[in-house]
Amino acid sequence: MRQKLLFFCGCTAIEIMTVIGVTTYLFYLGESILALISMVVFGKLIIFHFVMEYLDKQNLKKIQNISKY
């Protein structure tokens, strides 16, 4: 539970909330092309953060397994 709550304080959660706000506002203004562009740009950044977090966890598991021996 703690990890899920800490996620909302992290960079990825802030980026997700930002892209939702920016995209919604651009759609509200009628700028659908700009909204789609912002979704693509932010989407790539968010995917990058999830991949880096996954790789970091995998690396941490390897380090913990090595230190047990």
PDB file of N, CA and C in Angstrom:
ATOM      1  N   MET A   1       0.829  -1.198   0.000  1.00  0.00           N
ATOM      2  CA  MET A   1       0.000   0.000   0.000  1.00  0.00           C
ATOM      3  C   MET A   1       0.873   1.262   0.000  1.00  0.00           C
ATOM      4  N   ARG A   2       1.956   1.196   0.775  1.00  0.00           N
ATOM      5  CA  ARG A   2       2.830   2.361   0.883  1.00  0.00           C
ATOM      6  C   ARG A   2       3.434   2.718  -0.468  1.00  0.00           C
ATOM      7  N   GLN A   3       3.857   1.695  -1.229  1.00  0.00           N
ATOM      8  CA  GLN A   3       4.451   1.931  -2.541  1.00  0.00           C
ATOM      9  C   GLN A   3       3.458   2.600  -3.484  1.00  0.00           C
ATOM     10  N   LYS A   4       2.196   2.188  -3.418  1.00  0.00           N
ATOM     11  CA  LYS A   4       1.179   2.778  -4.292  1.00  0.00           C
ATOM     12  C   LYS A   4       0.930   4.239  -3.932  1.00  0.00           C
ATOM     13  N   LEU A   5       0.952   4.555  -2.642  1.00  0.00           N
ATOM     14  CA  LEU A   5       0.761   5.946  -2.234  1.00  0.00           C
ATOM     15  C   LEU A   5       1.975   6.802  -2.584  1.00  0.00           C
ATOM     16  N   LEU A   6       3.164   6.241  -2.455  1.00  0.00           N
ATOM     17  CA  LEU A   6       4.367   6.991  -2.810  1.00  0.00           C
ATOM     18  C   LEU A   6       4.462   7.249  -4.305  1.00  0.00           C
ATOM     19  N   PHE A   7       3.804   6.405  -5.104  1.00  0.00           N
ATOM     20  CA  PHE A   7       3.811   6.597  -6.556  1.00  0.00           C
ATOM     21  C   PHE A   7       3.246   7.967  -6.924  1.00  0.00           C
ATOM     22  N   PHE A   8       2.220   8.425  -6.191  1.00  0.00           N
ATOM     23  CA  PHE A   8       1.577   9.693  -6.517  1.00  0.00           C
ATOM     24  C   PHE A   8       2.450  10.895  -6.192  1.00  0.00           C
ATOM     25  N   CYS A   9       3.516  10.692  -5.452  1.00  0.00           N
ATOM     26  CA  CYS A   9       4.460  11.771  -5.183  1.00  0.00           C
ATOM     27  C   CYS A   9       5.614  11.773  -6.179  1.00  0.00           C
ATOM     28  N   GLY A  10       5.672  10.765  -7.012  1.00  0.00           N
ATOM     29  CA  GLY A  10       6.794  10.618  -7.936  1.00  0.00           C
ATOM     30  C   GLY A  10       6.624  11.412  -9.206  1.00  0.00           C
ATOM     31  N   CYS A  11       7.671  11.413  -9.950  1.00  0.00           N
ATOM     32  CA  CYS A  11       7.737  12.169 -11.196  1.00  0.00           C
ATOM     33  C   CYS A  11       6.731  11.662 -12.228  1.00  0.00           C
ATOM     34  N   THR A  12       6.592  10.354 -12.341  1.00  0.00           N
ATOM     35  CA  THR A  12       5.704   9.777 -13.348  1.00  0.00           C
ATOM     36  C   THR A  12       4.253  10.157 -13.089  1.00  0.00           C
ATOM     37  N   ALA A  13       3.839  10.125 -11.830  1.00  0.00           N
ATOM     38  CA  ALA A  13       2.457  10.476 -11.504  1.00  0.00           C
ATOM     39  C   ALA A  13       2.177  11.945 -11.811  1.00  0.00           C
ATOM     40  N   ILE A  14       3.133  12.797 -11.514  1.00  0.00           N
ATOM     41  CA  ILE A  14       2.964  14.225 -11.808  1.00  0.00           C
ATOM     42  C   ILE A  14       2.869  14.438 -13.314  1.00  0.00           C
ATOM     43  N   GLU A  15       3.678  13.701 -14.081  1.00  0.00           N
ATOM     44  CA  GLU A  15       3.609  13.814 -15.541  1.00  0.00           C
ATOM     45  C   GLU A  15       2.262  13.333 -16.070  1.00  0.00           C
ATOM     46  N   ILE A  16       1.738  12.248 -15.515  1.00  0.00           N
ATOM     47  CA  ILE A  16       0.440  11.736 -15.953  1.00  0.00           C
ATOM     48  C   ILE A  16      -0.652  12.762 -15.685  1.00  0.00           C
ATOM     49  N   MET A  17      -0.638  13.355 -14.486  1.00  0.00           N
ATOM     50  CA  MET A  17      -1.646  14.369 -14.164  1.00  0.00           C
ATOM     51  C   MET A  17      -1.492  15.598 -15.060  1.00  0.00           C
ATOM     52  N   THR A  18      -0.254  15.967 -15.384  1.00  0.00           N
ATOM     53  CA  THR A  18      -0.011  17.113 -16.256  1.00  0.00           C
ATOM     54  C   THR A  18      -0.534  16.863 -17.658  1.00  0.00           C
ATOM     55  N   VAL A  19      -0.257  15.674 -18.209  1.00  0.00           N
ATOM     56  CA  VAL A  19      -0.719  15.385 -19.570  1.00  0.00           C
ATOM     57  C   VAL A  19      -2.242  15.334 -19.625  1.00  0.00           C
ATOM     58  N   ILE A  20      -2.881  14.829 -18.585  1.00  0.00           N
ATOM     59  CA  ILE A  20      -4.350  14.820 -18.562  1.00  0.00           C
ATOM     60  C   ILE A  20      -4.881  16.246 -18.563  1.00  0.00           C
ATOM     61  N   GLY A  21      -4.286  17.108 -17.743  1.00  0.00           N
ATOM     62  CA  GLY A  21      -4.739  18.489 -17.672  1.00  0.00           C
ATOM     63  C   GLY A  21      -4.491  19.263 -18.952  1.00  0.00           C
ATOM     64  N   VAL A  22      -3.288  19.142 -19.495  1.00  0.00           N
ATOM     65  CA  VAL A  22      -2.937  19.880 -20.715  1.00  0.00           C
ATOM     66  C   VAL A  22      -3.786  19.410 -21.890  1.00  0.00           C
ATOM     67  N   THR A  23      -3.913  18.095 -22.045  1.00  0.00           N
ATOM     68  CA  THR A  23      -4.676  17.548 -23.167  1.00  0.00           C
ATOM     69  C   THR A  23      -6.150  17.915 -23.069  1.00  0.00           C
ATOM     70  N   THR A  24      -6.703  17.813 -21.877  1.00  0.00           N
ATOM     71  CA  THR A  24      -8.110  18.185 -21.687  1.00  0.00           C
ATOM     72  C   THR A  24      -8.330  19.656 -22.011  1.00  0.00           C
ATOM     73  N   TYR A  25      -7.418  20.504 -21.549  1.00  0.00           N
ATOM     74  CA  TYR A  25      -7.552  21.935 -21.818  1.00  0.00           C
ATOM     75  C   TYR A  25      -7.440  22.237 -23.311  1.00  0.00           C
ATOM     76  N   LEU A  26      -6.517  21.570 -23.999  1.00  0.00           N
ATOM     77  CA  LEU A  26      -6.376  21.799 -25.438  1.00  0.00           C
ATOM     78  C   LEU A  26      -7.608  21.315 -26.200  1.00  0.00           C
ATOM     79  N   PHE A  27      -8.177  20.180 -25.800  1.00  0.00           N
ATOM     80  CA  PHE A  27      -9.423  19.731 -26.428  1.00  0.00           C
ATOM     81  C   PHE A  27     -10.551  20.721 -26.149  1.00  0.00           C
ATOM     82  N   TYR A  28     -10.577  21.279 -24.929  1.00  0.00           N
ATOM     83  CA  TYR A  28     -11.594  22.272 -24.570  1.00  0.00           C
ATOM     84  C   TYR A  28     -11.472  23.511 -25.456  1.00  0.00           C
ATOM     85  N   LEU A  29     -10.245  23.908 -25.766  1.00  0.00           N
ATOM     86  CA  LEU A  29     -10.026  25.072 -26.622  1.00  0.00           C
ATOM     87  C   LEU A  29     -10.270  24.772 -28.096  1.00  0.00           C
ATOM     88  N   GLY A  30     -10.462  23.509 -28.424  1.00  0.00           N
ATOM     89  CA  GLY A  30     -10.697  23.129 -29.812  1.00  0.00           C
ATOM     90  C   GLY A  30      -9.422  22.880 -30.595  1.00  0.00           C
ATOM     91  N   GLU A  31      -8.323  22.745 -29.904  1.00  0.00           N
ATOM     92  CA  GLU A  31      -7.024  22.499 -30.544  1.00  0.00           C
ATOM     93  C   GLU A  31      -6.719  21.005 -30.503  1.00  0.00           C
ATOM     94  N   SER A  32      -7.450  20.244 -31.294  1.00  0.00           N
ATOM     95  CA  SER A  32      -7.312  18.787 -31.230  1.00  0.00           C
ATOM     96  C   SER A  32      -5.954  18.301 -31.733  1.00  0.00           C
ATOM     97  N   ILE A  33      -5.396  18.958 -32.733  1.00  0.00           N
ATOM     98  CA  ILE A  33      -4.087  18.554 -33.254  1.00  0.00           C
ATOM     99  C   ILE A  33      -3.009  18.762 -32.192  1.00  0.00           C
ATOM    100  N   LEU A  34      -3.033  19.914 -31.526  1.00  0.00           N
ATOM    101  CA  LEU A  34      -2.060  20.164 -30.460  1.00  0.00           C
ATOM    102  C   LEU A  34      -2.254  19.202 -29.291  1.00  0.00           C
ATOM    103  N   ALA A  35      -3.497  18.847 -29.006  1.00  0.00           N
ATOM    104  CA  ALA A  35      -3.771  17.887 -27.931  1.00  0.00           C
ATOM    105  C   ALA A  35      -3.182  16.525 -28.265  1.00  0.00           C
ATOM    106  N   LEU A  36      -3.325  16.093 -29.506  1.00  0.00           N
ATOM    107  CA  LEU A  36      -2.757  14.810 -29.915  1.00  0.00           C
ATOM    108  C   LEU A  36      -1.230  14.836 -29.882  1.00  0.00           C
ATOM    109  N   ILE A  37      -0.655  15.947 -30.309  1.00  0.00           N
ATOM    110  CA  ILE A  37       0.807  16.078 -30.268  1.00  0.00           C
ATOM    111  C   ILE A  37       1.302  16.021 -28.822  1.00  0.00           C
ATOM    112  N   SER A  38       0.609  16.707 -27.926  1.00  0.00           N
ATOM    113  CA  SER A  38       1.030  16.691 -26.519  1.00  0.00           C
ATOM    114  C   SER A  38       0.886  15.296 -25.918  1.00  0.00           C
ATOM    115  N   MET A  39      -0.154  14.554 -26.314  1.00  0.00           N
ATOM    116  CA  MET A  39      -0.306  13.185 -25.815  1.00  0.00           C
ATOM    117  C   MET A  39       0.843  12.305 -26.288  1.00  0.00           C
ATOM    118  N   VAL A  40       1.253  12.463 -27.531  1.00  0.00           N
ATOM    119  CA  VAL A  40       2.353  11.651 -28.067  1.00  0.00           C
ATOM    120  C   VAL A  40       3.664  11.985 -27.356  1.00  0.00           C
ATOM    121  N   VAL A  41       3.938  13.268 -27.202  1.00  0.00           N
ATOM    122  CA  VAL A  41       5.196  13.684 -26.573  1.00  0.00           C
ATOM    123  C   VAL A  41       5.240  13.241 -25.114  1.00  0.00           C
ATOM    124  N   PHE A  42       4.177  13.533 -24.366  1.00  0.00           N
ATOM    125  CA  PHE A  42       4.139  13.116 -22.971  1.00  0.00           C
ATOM    126  C   PHE A  42       4.103  11.596 -22.847  1.00  0.00           C
ATOM    127  N   GLY A  43       3.427  10.929 -23.765  1.00  0.00           N
ATOM    128  CA  GLY A  43       3.340   9.471 -23.730  1.00  0.00           C
ATOM    129  C   GLY A  43       4.706   8.824 -23.827  1.00  0.00           C
ATOM    130  N   LYS A  44       5.533   9.323 -24.729  1.00  0.00           N
ATOM    131  CA  LYS A  44       6.894   8.790 -24.858  1.00  0.00           C
ATOM    132  C   LYS A  44       7.691   9.001 -23.575  1.00  0.00           C
ATOM    133  N   LEU A  45       7.531  10.151 -22.960  1.00  0.00           N
ATOM    134  CA  LEU A  45       8.245  10.443 -21.721  1.00  0.00           C
ATOM    135  C   LEU A  45       7.774   9.540 -20.584  1.00  0.00           C
ATOM    136  N   ILE A  46       6.475   9.327 -20.490  1.00  0.00           N
ATOM    137  CA  ILE A  46       5.926   8.474 -19.431  1.00  0.00           C
ATOM    138  C   ILE A  46       6.363   7.026 -19.631  1.00  0.00           C
ATOM    139  N   ILE A  47       6.339   6.544 -20.858  1.00  0.00           N
ATOM    140  CA  ILE A  47       6.795   5.175 -21.137  1.00  0.00           C
ATOM    141  C   ILE A  47       8.272   5.030 -20.775  1.00  0.00           C
ATOM    142  N   PHE A  48       9.057   6.039 -21.096  1.00  0.00           N
ATOM    143  CA  PHE A  48      10.478   6.019 -20.742  1.00  0.00           C
ATOM    144  C   PHE A  48      10.662   5.880 -19.234  1.00  0.00           C
ATOM    145  N   HIS A  49       9.876   6.603 -18.449  1.00  0.00           N
ATOM    146  CA  HIS A  49      10.000   6.528 -16.995  1.00  0.00           C
ATOM    147  C   HIS A  49       9.601   5.157 -16.464  1.00  0.00           C
ATOM    148  N   PHE A  50       8.531   4.558 -17.027  1.00  0.00           N
ATOM    149  CA  PHE A  50       8.133   3.218 -16.595  1.00  0.00           C
ATOM    150  C   PHE A  50       9.213   2.193 -16.936  1.00  0.00           C
ATOM    151  N   VAL A  51       9.818   2.307 -18.104  1.00  0.00           N
ATOM    152  CA  VAL A  51      10.881   1.376 -18.500  1.00  0.00           C
ATOM    153  C   VAL A  51      12.088   1.527 -17.579  1.00  0.00           C
ATOM    154  N   MET A  52      12.482   2.755 -17.289  1.00  0.00           N
ATOM    155  CA  MET A  52      13.630   2.971 -16.417  1.00  0.00           C
ATOM    156  C   MET A  52      13.352   2.459 -15.005  1.00  0.00           C
ATOM    157  N   GLU A  53      12.139   2.640 -14.513  1.00  0.00           N
ATOM    158  CA  GLU A  53      11.782   2.132 -13.186  1.00  0.00           C
ATOM    159  C   GLU A  53      11.833   0.603 -13.164  1.00  0.00           C
ATOM    160  N   TYR A  54      11.347  -0.032 -14.229  1.00  0.00           N
ATOM    161  CA  TYR A  54      11.379  -1.491 -14.330  1.00  0.00           C
ATOM    162  C   TYR A  54      12.819  -1.998 -14.348  1.00  0.00           C
ATOM    163  N   LEU A  55      13.656  -1.372 -15.156  1.00  0.00           N
ATOM    164  CA  LEU A  55      15.054  -1.791 -15.237  1.00  0.00           C
ATOM    165  C   LEU A  55      15.783  -1.567 -13.915  1.00  0.00           C
ATOM    166  N   ASP A  56      15.448  -0.491 -13.216  1.00  0.00           N
ATOM    167  CA  ASP A  56      16.057  -0.218 -11.920  1.00  0.00           C
ATOM    168  C   ASP A  56      15.681  -1.301 -10.910  1.00  0.00           C
ATOM    169  N   LYS A  57      14.421  -1.727 -10.922  1.00  0.00           N
ATOM    170  CA  LYS A  57      13.991  -2.796 -10.012  1.00  0.00           C
ATOM    171  C   LYS A  57      14.688  -4.108 -10.347  1.00  0.00           C
ATOM    172  N   GLN A  58      14.861  -4.402 -11.630  1.00  0.00           N
ATOM    173  CA  GLN A  58      15.551  -5.627 -12.032  1.00  0.00           C
ATOM    174  C   GLN A  58      17.012  -5.596 -11.580  1.00  0.00           C
ATOM    175  N   ASN A  59      17.645  -4.459 -11.724  1.00  0.00           N
ATOM    176  CA  ASN A  59      19.036  -4.310 -11.303  1.00  0.00           C
ATOM    177  C   ASN A  59      19.157  -4.447  -9.790  1.00  0.00           C
ATOM    178  N   LEU A  60      18.203  -3.904  -9.044  1.00  0.00           N
ATOM    179  CA  LEU A  60      18.215  -3.995  -7.592  1.00  0.00           C
ATOM    180  C   LEU A  60      18.072  -5.446  -7.141  1.00  0.00           C
ATOM    181  N   LYS A  61      17.219  -6.217  -7.827  1.00  0.00           N
ATOM    182  CA  LYS A  61      17.060  -7.636  -7.490  1.00  0.00           C
ATOM    183  C   LYS A  61      18.361  -8.396  -7.718  1.00  0.00           C
ATOM    184  N   LYS A  62      19.059  -8.098  -8.813  1.00  0.00           N
ATOM    185  CA  LYS A  62      20.333  -8.763  -9.095  1.00  0.00           C
ATOM    186  C   LYS A  62      21.357  -8.446  -8.010  1.00  0.00           C
ATOM    187  N   ILE A  63      21.408  -7.201  -7.588  1.00  0.00           N
ATOM    188  CA  ILE A  63      22.364  -6.789  -6.558  1.00  0.00           C
ATOM    189  C   ILE A  63      22.046  -7.479  -5.239  1.00  0.00           C
ATOM    190  N   GLN A  64      20.766  -7.583  -4.890  1.00  0.00           N
ATOM    191  CA  GLN A  64      20.382  -8.246  -3.648  1.00  0.00           C
ATOM    192  C   GLN A  64      20.717  -9.729  -3.692  1.00  0.00           C
ATOM    193  N   ASN A  65      20.521 -10.374  -4.841  1.00  0.00           N
ATOM    194  CA  ASN A  65      20.854 -11.794  -4.969  1.00  0.00           C
ATOM    195  C   ASN A  65      22.359 -12.028  -4.869  1.00  0.00           C
ATOM    196  N   ILE A  66      23.139 -11.139  -5.424  1.00  0.00           N
ATOM    197  CA  ILE A  66      24.594 -11.272  -5.365  1.00  0.00           C
ATOM    198  C   ILE A  66      25.086 -11.081  -3.932  1.00  0.00           C
ATOM    199  N   SER A  67      24.498 -10.138  -3.206  1.00  0.00           N
ATOM    200  CA  SER A  67      24.955  -9.860  -1.846  1.00  0.00           C
ATOM    201  C   SER A  67      24.594 -10.982  -0.870  1.00  0.00           C
ATOM    202  N   LYS A  68      23.640 -11.839  -1.215  1.00  0.00           N
ATOM    203  CA  LYS A  68      23.281 -12.959  -0.341  1.00  0.00           C
ATOM    204  C   LYS A  68      24.374 -14.017  -0.315  1.00  0.00           C
ATOM    205  N   TYR A  69      25.133 -14.111  -1.385  1.00  0.00           N
ATOM    206  CA  TYR A  69      26.167 -15.153  -1.474  1.00  0.00           C
ATOM    207  C   TYR A  69      27.419 -14.692  -0.856  1.00  0.00           C
TER     208      TYR A  69
END
